[in-house]
Amino acid sequence: MEDVKDSNGTILKDSDSVTLIKDLKVKGSSVTLKRGTRIKNIRLTGDPAEIECNADKVKGLVLRTEFLKKA
């Protein structure tokens, strides 16, 4: 499997914590995840550009790794 890297090129693993580097609007809801939000226990997907996670108000979220940095 290809390495999953954050916006800085750091390799991410299952159950890592990441921080958002940009405000992101969540499709299908009125929630906006703010820059600096810490997300714990990420799960890697088959796609090296995406991770799965649960944020405060949103469960089963898929985020692009280009908007994340390892915490």
PDB file of N, CA and C in Angstrom:
ATOM      1  N   MET A   1       0.850  -1.197   0.000  1.00  0.00           N
ATOM      2  CA  MET A   1       0.000   0.000   0.000  1.00  0.00           C
ATOM      3  C   MET A   1       0.890   1.253   0.000  1.00  0.00           C
ATOM      4  N   GLU A   2       0.440   2.247  -0.712  1.00  0.00           N
ATOM      5  CA  GLU A   2       1.196   3.502  -0.817  1.00  0.00           C
ATOM      6  C   GLU A   2       1.138   4.279   0.499  1.00  0.00           C
ATOM      7  N   ASP A   3       2.240   4.981   0.825  1.00  0.00           N
ATOM      8  CA  ASP A   3       2.278   5.769   2.051  1.00  0.00           C
ATOM      9  C   ASP A   3       1.287   6.924   1.984  1.00  0.00           C
ATOM     10  N   VAL A   4       0.600   7.173   3.102  1.00  0.00           N
ATOM     11  CA  VAL A   4      -0.319   8.305   3.222  1.00  0.00           C
ATOM     12  C   VAL A   4       0.450   9.424   3.897  1.00  0.00           C
ATOM     13  N   LYS A   5       0.506  10.599   3.229  1.00  0.00           N
ATOM     14  CA  LYS A   5       1.280  11.719   3.765  1.00  0.00           C
ATOM     15  C   LYS A   5       0.394  12.934   3.978  1.00  0.00           C
ATOM     16  N   ASP A   6       0.729  13.731   5.009  1.00  0.00           N
ATOM     17  CA  ASP A   6      -0.013  14.966   5.263  1.00  0.00           C
ATOM     18  C   ASP A   6       0.507  16.082   4.354  1.00  0.00           C
ATOM     19  N   SER A   7       0.051  17.295   4.582  1.00  0.00           N
ATOM     20  CA  SER A   7       0.419  18.424   3.718  1.00  0.00           C
ATOM     21  C   SER A   7       1.906  18.749   3.784  1.00  0.00           C
ATOM     22  N   ASN A   8       2.583  18.346   4.867  1.00  0.00           N
ATOM     23  CA  ASN A   8       4.017  18.606   5.014  1.00  0.00           C
ATOM     24  C   ASN A   8       4.885  17.437   4.573  1.00  0.00           C
ATOM     25  N   GLY A   9       4.255  16.342   4.147  1.00  0.00           N
ATOM     26  CA  GLY A   9       5.017  15.174   3.707  1.00  0.00           C
ATOM     27  C   GLY A   9       5.309  14.172   4.810  1.00  0.00           C
ATOM     28  N   THR A  10       4.746  14.372   6.003  1.00  0.00           N
ATOM     29  CA  THR A  10       4.924  13.436   7.110  1.00  0.00           C
ATOM     30  C   THR A  10       4.010  12.229   6.895  1.00  0.00           C
ATOM     31  N   ILE A  11       4.546  11.036   7.101  1.00  0.00           N
ATOM     32  CA  ILE A  11       3.749   9.827   6.892  1.00  0.00           C
ATOM     33  C   ILE A  11       2.746   9.660   8.034  1.00  0.00           C
ATOM     34  N   LEU A  12       1.487   9.365   7.665  1.00  0.00           N
ATOM     35  CA  LEU A  12       0.413   9.154   8.637  1.00  0.00           C
ATOM     36  C   LEU A  12       0.141   7.667   8.793  1.00  0.00           C
ATOM     37  N   LYS A  13      -0.248   7.263  10.009  1.00  0.00           N
ATOM     38  CA  LYS A  13      -0.596   5.868  10.302  1.00  0.00           C
ATOM     39  C   LYS A  13      -1.972   5.840  10.962  1.00  0.00           C
ATOM     40  N   ASP A  14      -2.575   4.649  10.996  1.00  0.00           N
ATOM     41  CA  ASP A  14      -3.849   4.476  11.703  1.00  0.00           C
ATOM     42  C   ASP A  14      -3.709   4.952  13.148  1.00  0.00           C
ATOM     43  N   SER A  15      -4.743   5.566  13.653  1.00  0.00           N
ATOM     44  CA  SER A  15      -4.883   6.072  15.024  1.00  0.00           C
ATOM     45  C   SER A  15      -3.991   7.277  15.343  1.00  0.00           C
ATOM     46  N   ASP A  16      -3.376   7.896  14.342  1.00  0.00           N
ATOM     47  CA  ASP A  16      -2.655   9.163  14.547  1.00  0.00           C
ATOM     48  C   ASP A  16      -3.650  10.280  14.830  1.00  0.00           C
ATOM     49  N   SER A  17      -3.137  11.389  15.348  1.00  0.00           N
ATOM     50  CA  SER A  17      -3.936  12.607  15.497  1.00  0.00           C
ATOM     51  C   SER A  17      -3.451  13.612  14.463  1.00  0.00           C
ATOM     52  N   VAL A  18      -4.394  14.363  13.885  1.00  0.00           N
ATOM     53  CA  VAL A  18      -4.055  15.375  12.885  1.00  0.00           C
ATOM     54  C   VAL A  18      -4.732  16.690  13.237  1.00  0.00           C
ATOM     55  N   THR A  19      -4.227  17.777  12.646  1.00  0.00           N
ATOM     56  CA  THR A  19      -4.782  19.108  12.841  1.00  0.00           C
ATOM     57  C   THR A  19      -5.146  19.682  11.477  1.00  0.00           C
ATOM     58  N   LEU A  20      -6.290  20.354  11.405  1.00  0.00           N
ATOM     59  CA  LEU A  20      -6.696  20.987  10.146  1.00  0.00           C
ATOM     60  C   LEU A  20      -5.872  22.243   9.906  1.00  0.00           C
ATOM     61  N   ILE A  21      -5.480  22.479   8.648  1.00  0.00           N
ATOM     62  CA  ILE A  21      -4.720  23.679   8.316  1.00  0.00           C
ATOM     63  C   ILE A  21      -5.579  24.693   7.560  1.00  0.00           C
ATOM     64  N   LYS A  22      -6.881  24.396   7.410  1.00  0.00           N
ATOM     65  CA  LYS A  22      -7.792  25.273   6.672  1.00  0.00           C
ATOM     66  C   LYS A  22      -9.212  25.039   7.178  1.00  0.00           C
ATOM     67  N   ASP A  23     -10.045  26.080   7.191  1.00  0.00           N
ATOM     68  CA  ASP A  23     -11.460  25.900   7.523  1.00  0.00           C
ATOM     69  C   ASP A  23     -12.111  25.057   6.429  1.00  0.00           C
ATOM     70  N   LEU A  24     -12.866  24.043   6.825  1.00  0.00           N
ATOM     71  CA  LEU A  24     -13.515  23.165   5.857  1.00  0.00           C
ATOM     72  C   LEU A  24     -15.009  23.096   6.130  1.00  0.00           C
ATOM     73  N   LYS A  25     -15.817  23.296   5.076  1.00  0.00           N
ATOM     74  CA  LYS A  25     -17.258  23.124   5.191  1.00  0.00           C
ATOM     75  C   LYS A  25     -17.566  21.660   4.937  1.00  0.00           C
ATOM     76  N   VAL A  26     -18.453  21.104   5.762  1.00  0.00           N
ATOM     77  CA  VAL A  26     -18.831  19.708   5.620  1.00  0.00           C
ATOM     78  C   VAL A  26     -20.042  19.620   4.707  1.00  0.00           C
ATOM     79  N   LYS A  27     -19.900  18.873   3.608  1.00  0.00           N
ATOM     80  CA  LYS A  27     -21.012  18.732   2.662  1.00  0.00           C
ATOM     81  C   LYS A  27     -22.195  18.046   3.336  1.00  0.00           C
ATOM     82  N   GLY A  28     -23.392  18.515   3.027  1.00  0.00           N
ATOM     83  CA  GLY A  28     -24.597  17.901   3.555  1.00  0.00           C
ATOM     84  C   GLY A  28     -24.966  18.349   4.953  1.00  0.00           C
ATOM     85  N   SER A  29     -24.230  19.313   5.510  1.00  0.00           N
ATOM     86  CA  SER A  29     -24.581  19.833   6.827  1.00  0.00           C
ATOM     87  C   SER A  29     -24.160  21.295   6.913  1.00  0.00           C
ATOM     88  N   SER A  30     -24.548  21.936   8.008  1.00  0.00           N
ATOM     89  CA  SER A  30     -24.196  23.344   8.173  1.00  0.00           C
ATOM     90  C   SER A  30     -22.925  23.509   9.001  1.00  0.00           C
ATOM     91  N   VAL A  31     -22.240  22.398   9.283  1.00  0.00           N
ATOM     92  CA  VAL A  31     -21.058  22.411  10.148  1.00  0.00           C
ATOM     93  C   VAL A  31     -19.827  22.879   9.360  1.00  0.00           C
ATOM     94  N   THR A  32     -19.025  23.736   9.979  1.00  0.00           N
ATOM     95  CA  THR A  32     -17.725  24.123   9.426  1.00  0.00           C
ATOM     96  C   THR A  32     -16.660  23.720  10.434  1.00  0.00           C
ATOM     97  N   LEU A  33     -15.703  22.921   9.974  1.00  0.00           N
ATOM     98  CA  LEU A  33     -14.582  22.542  10.834  1.00  0.00           C
ATOM     99  C   LEU A  33     -13.540  23.645  10.738  1.00  0.00           C
ATOM    100  N   LYS A  34     -13.165  24.204  11.869  1.00  0.00           N
ATOM    101  CA  LYS A  34     -12.264  25.356  11.907  1.00  0.00           C
ATOM    102  C   LYS A  34     -10.804  24.947  11.798  1.00  0.00           C
ATOM    103  N   ARG A  35      -9.991  25.853  11.274  1.00  0.00           N
ATOM    104  CA  ARG A  35      -8.544  25.657  11.201  1.00  0.00           C
ATOM    105  C   ARG A  35      -8.010  25.455  12.615  1.00  0.00           C
ATOM    106  N   GLY A  36      -7.115  24.498  12.783  1.00  0.00           N
ATOM    107  CA  GLY A  36      -6.562  24.214  14.099  1.00  0.00           C
ATOM    108  C   GLY A  36      -7.308  23.149  14.867  1.00  0.00           C
ATOM    109  N   THR A  37      -8.439  22.667  14.340  1.00  0.00           N
ATOM    110  CA  THR A  37      -9.191  21.609  15.002  1.00  0.00           C
ATOM    111  C   THR A  37      -8.371  20.330  15.007  1.00  0.00           C
ATOM    112  N   ARG A  38      -8.269  19.697  16.170  1.00  0.00           N
ATOM    113  CA  ARG A  38      -7.503  18.452  16.288  1.00  0.00           C
ATOM    114  C   ARG A  38      -8.464  17.279  16.128  1.00  0.00           C
ATOM    115  N   ILE A  39      -8.076  16.334  15.299  1.00  0.00           N
ATOM    116  CA  ILE A  39      -8.881  15.137  15.068  1.00  0.00           C
ATOM    117  C   ILE A  39      -8.040  13.934  15.475  1.00  0.00           C
ATOM    118  N   LYS A  40      -8.605  13.117  16.364  1.00  0.00           N
ATOM    119  CA  LYS A  40      -7.873  11.966  16.897  1.00  0.00           C
ATOM    120  C   LYS A  40      -8.346  10.680  16.242  1.00  0.00           C
ATOM    121  N   ASN A  41      -7.509   9.664  16.317  1.00  0.00           N
ATOM    122  CA  ASN A  41      -7.850   8.314  15.846  1.00  0.00           C
ATOM    123  C   ASN A  41      -8.300   8.268  14.394  1.00  0.00           C
ATOM    124  N   ILE A  42      -7.440   8.708  13.491  1.00  0.00           N
ATOM    125  CA  ILE A  42      -7.777   8.627  12.074  1.00  0.00           C
ATOM    126  C   ILE A  42      -7.668   7.175  11.610  1.00  0.00           C
ATOM    127  N   ARG A  43      -8.341   6.864  10.503  1.00  0.00           N
ATOM    128  CA  ARG A  43      -8.250   5.549   9.874  1.00  0.00           C
ATOM    129  C   ARG A  43      -7.860   5.754   8.422  1.00  0.00           C
ATOM    130  N   LEU A  44      -6.898   4.980   7.960  1.00  0.00           N
ATOM    131  CA  LEU A  44      -6.462   5.084   6.581  1.00  0.00           C
ATOM    132  C   LEU A  44      -7.455   4.360   5.676  1.00  0.00           C
ATOM    133  N   THR A  45      -7.630   4.883   4.464  1.00  0.00           N
ATOM    134  CA  THR A  45      -8.485   4.246   3.465  1.00  0.00           C
ATOM    135  C   THR A  45      -7.567   3.656   2.400  1.00  0.00           C
ATOM    136  N   GLY A  46      -8.136   3.092   1.368  1.00  0.00           N
ATOM    137  CA  GLY A  46      -7.326   2.559   0.271  1.00  0.00           C
ATOM    138  C   GLY A  46      -6.719   3.659  -0.583  1.00  0.00           C
ATOM    139  N   ASP A  47      -7.224   4.883  -0.440  1.00  0.00           N
ATOM    140  CA  ASP A  47      -6.761   6.027  -1.225  1.00  0.00           C
ATOM    141  C   ASP A  47      -5.717   6.811  -0.425  1.00  0.00           C
ATOM    142  N   PRO A  48      -4.496   6.977  -0.966  1.00  0.00           N
ATOM    143  CA  PRO A  48      -3.460   7.704  -0.211  1.00  0.00           C
ATOM    144  C   PRO A  48      -3.746   9.196  -0.038  1.00  0.00           C
ATOM    145  N   ALA A  49      -4.785   9.731  -0.685  1.00  0.00           N
ATOM    146  CA  ALA A  49      -5.111  11.151  -0.551  1.00  0.00           C
ATOM    147  C   ALA A  49      -6.253  11.397   0.426  1.00  0.00           C
ATOM    148  N   GLU A  50      -6.779  10.338   1.066  1.00  0.00           N
ATOM    149  CA  GLU A  50      -7.926  10.505   1.956  1.00  0.00           C
ATOM    150  C   GLU A  50      -7.760   9.695   3.236  1.00  0.00           C
ATOM    151  N   ILE A  51      -8.362  10.203   4.324  1.00  0.00           N
ATOM    152  CA  ILE A  51      -8.449   9.472   5.592  1.00  0.00           C
ATOM    153  C   ILE A  51      -9.891   9.512   6.075  1.00  0.00           C
ATOM    154  N   GLU A  52     -10.251   8.583   6.946  1.00  0.00           N
ATOM    155  CA  GLU A  52     -11.560   8.594   7.595  1.00  0.00           C
ATOM    156  C   GLU A  52     -11.371   8.995   9.040  1.00  0.00           C
ATOM    157  N   CYS A  53     -12.368   9.690   9.598  1.00  0.00           N
ATOM    158  CA  CYS A  53     -12.274  10.107  10.991  1.00  0.00           C
ATOM    159  C   CYS A  53     -13.648  10.486  11.510  1.00  0.00           C
ATOM    160  N   ASN A  54     -13.693  10.736  12.806  1.00  0.00           N
ATOM    161  CA  ASN A  54     -14.886  11.270  13.459  1.00  0.00           C
ATOM    162  C   ASN A  54     -14.506  12.608  14.070  1.00  0.00           C
ATOM    163  N   ALA A  55     -15.185  13.663  13.669  1.00  0.00           N
ATOM    164  CA  ALA A  55     -14.959  14.978  14.260  1.00  0.00           C
ATOM    165  C   ALA A  55     -15.995  15.179  15.369  1.00  0.00           C
ATOM    166  N   ASP A  56     -15.935  16.321  16.040  1.00  0.00           N
ATOM    167  CA  ASP A  56     -16.819  16.583  17.176  1.00  0.00           C
ATOM    168  C   ASP A  56     -18.292  16.362  16.836  1.00  0.00           C
ATOM    169  N   LYS A  57     -18.751  16.970  15.750  1.00  0.00           N
ATOM    170  CA  LYS A  57     -20.178  16.943  15.438  1.00  0.00           C
ATOM    171  C   LYS A  57     -20.503  16.023  14.273  1.00  0.00           C
ATOM    172  N   VAL A  58     -19.481  15.487  13.587  1.00  0.00           N
ATOM    173  CA  VAL A  58     -19.708  14.713  12.374  1.00  0.00           C
ATOM    174  C   VAL A  58     -19.026  13.358  12.500  1.00  0.00           C
ATOM    175  N   LYS A  59     -19.789  12.291  12.293  1.00  0.00           N
ATOM    176  CA  LYS A  59     -19.237  10.936  12.364  1.00  0.00           C
ATOM    177  C   LYS A  59     -19.043  10.404  10.943  1.00  0.00           C
ATOM    178  N   GLY A  60     -18.038   9.560  10.749  1.00  0.00           N
ATOM    179  CA  GLY A  60     -17.806   8.944   9.446  1.00  0.00           C
ATOM    180  C   GLY A  60     -17.362   9.928   8.388  1.00  0.00           C
ATOM    181  N   LEU A  61     -16.513  10.861   8.769  1.00  0.00           N
ATOM    182  CA  LEU A  61     -16.062  11.914   7.871  1.00  0.00           C
ATOM    183  C   LEU A  61     -14.855  11.448   7.064  1.00  0.00           C
ATOM    184  N   VAL A  62     -14.785  11.809   5.782  1.00  0.00           N
ATOM    185  CA  VAL A  62     -13.620  11.529   4.957  1.00  0.00           C
ATOM    186  C   VAL A  62     -12.956  12.861   4.628  1.00  0.00           C
ATOM    187  N   LEU A  63     -11.666  12.991   4.975  1.00  0.00           N
ATOM    188  CA  LEU A  63     -10.939  14.237   4.747  1.00  0.00           C
ATOM    189  C   LEU A  63      -9.782  14.015   3.789  1.00  0.00           C
ATOM    190  N   ARG A  64      -9.481  15.036   2.995  1.00  0.00           N
ATOM    191  CA  ARG A  64      -8.321  15.004   2.100  1.00  0.00           C
ATOM    192  C   ARG A  64      -7.070  15.311   2.916  1.00  0.00           C
ATOM    193  N   THR A  65      -6.012  14.576   2.663  1.00  0.00           N
ATOM    194  CA  THR A  65      -4.779  14.751   3.435  1.00  0.00           C
ATOM    195  C   THR A  65      -4.089  16.078   3.135  1.00  0.00           C
ATOM    196  N   GLU A  66      -4.417  16.726   2.024  1.00  0.00           N
ATOM    197  CA  GLU A  66      -3.794  18.015   1.692  1.00  0.00           C
ATOM    198  C   GLU A  66      -4.208  19.126   2.666  1.00  0.00           C
ATOM    199  N   PHE A  67      -5.272  18.890   3.470  1.00  0.00           N
ATOM    200  CA  PHE A  67      -5.736  19.897   4.430  1.00  0.00           C
ATOM    201  C   PHE A  67      -5.350  19.547   5.863  1.00  0.00           C
ATOM    202  N   LEU A  68      -4.450  18.587   6.046  1.00  0.00           N
ATOM    203  CA  LEU A  68      -4.100  18.102   7.376  1.00  0.00           C
ATOM    204  C   LEU A  68      -2.610  18.187   7.635  1.00  0.00           C
ATOM    205  N   LYS A  69      -2.257  18.282   8.925  1.00  0.00           N
ATOM    206  CA  LYS A  69      -0.865  18.092   9.324  1.00  0.00           C
ATOM    207  C   LYS A  69      -0.867  17.226  10.568  1.00  0.00           C
ATOM    208  N   LYS A  70       0.156  16.423  10.715  1.00  0.00           N
ATOM    209  CA  LYS A  70       0.230  15.518  11.865  1.00  0.00           C
ATOM    210  C   LYS A  70       0.378  16.317  13.138  1.00  0.00           C
ATOM    211  N   ALA A  71      -0.388  15.935  14.161  1.00  0.00           N
ATOM    212  CA  ALA A  71      -0.367  16.675  15.426  1.00  0.00           C
ATOM    213  C   ALA A  71       0.736  16.166  16.348  1.00  0.00           C
TER     214      ALA A  71
END
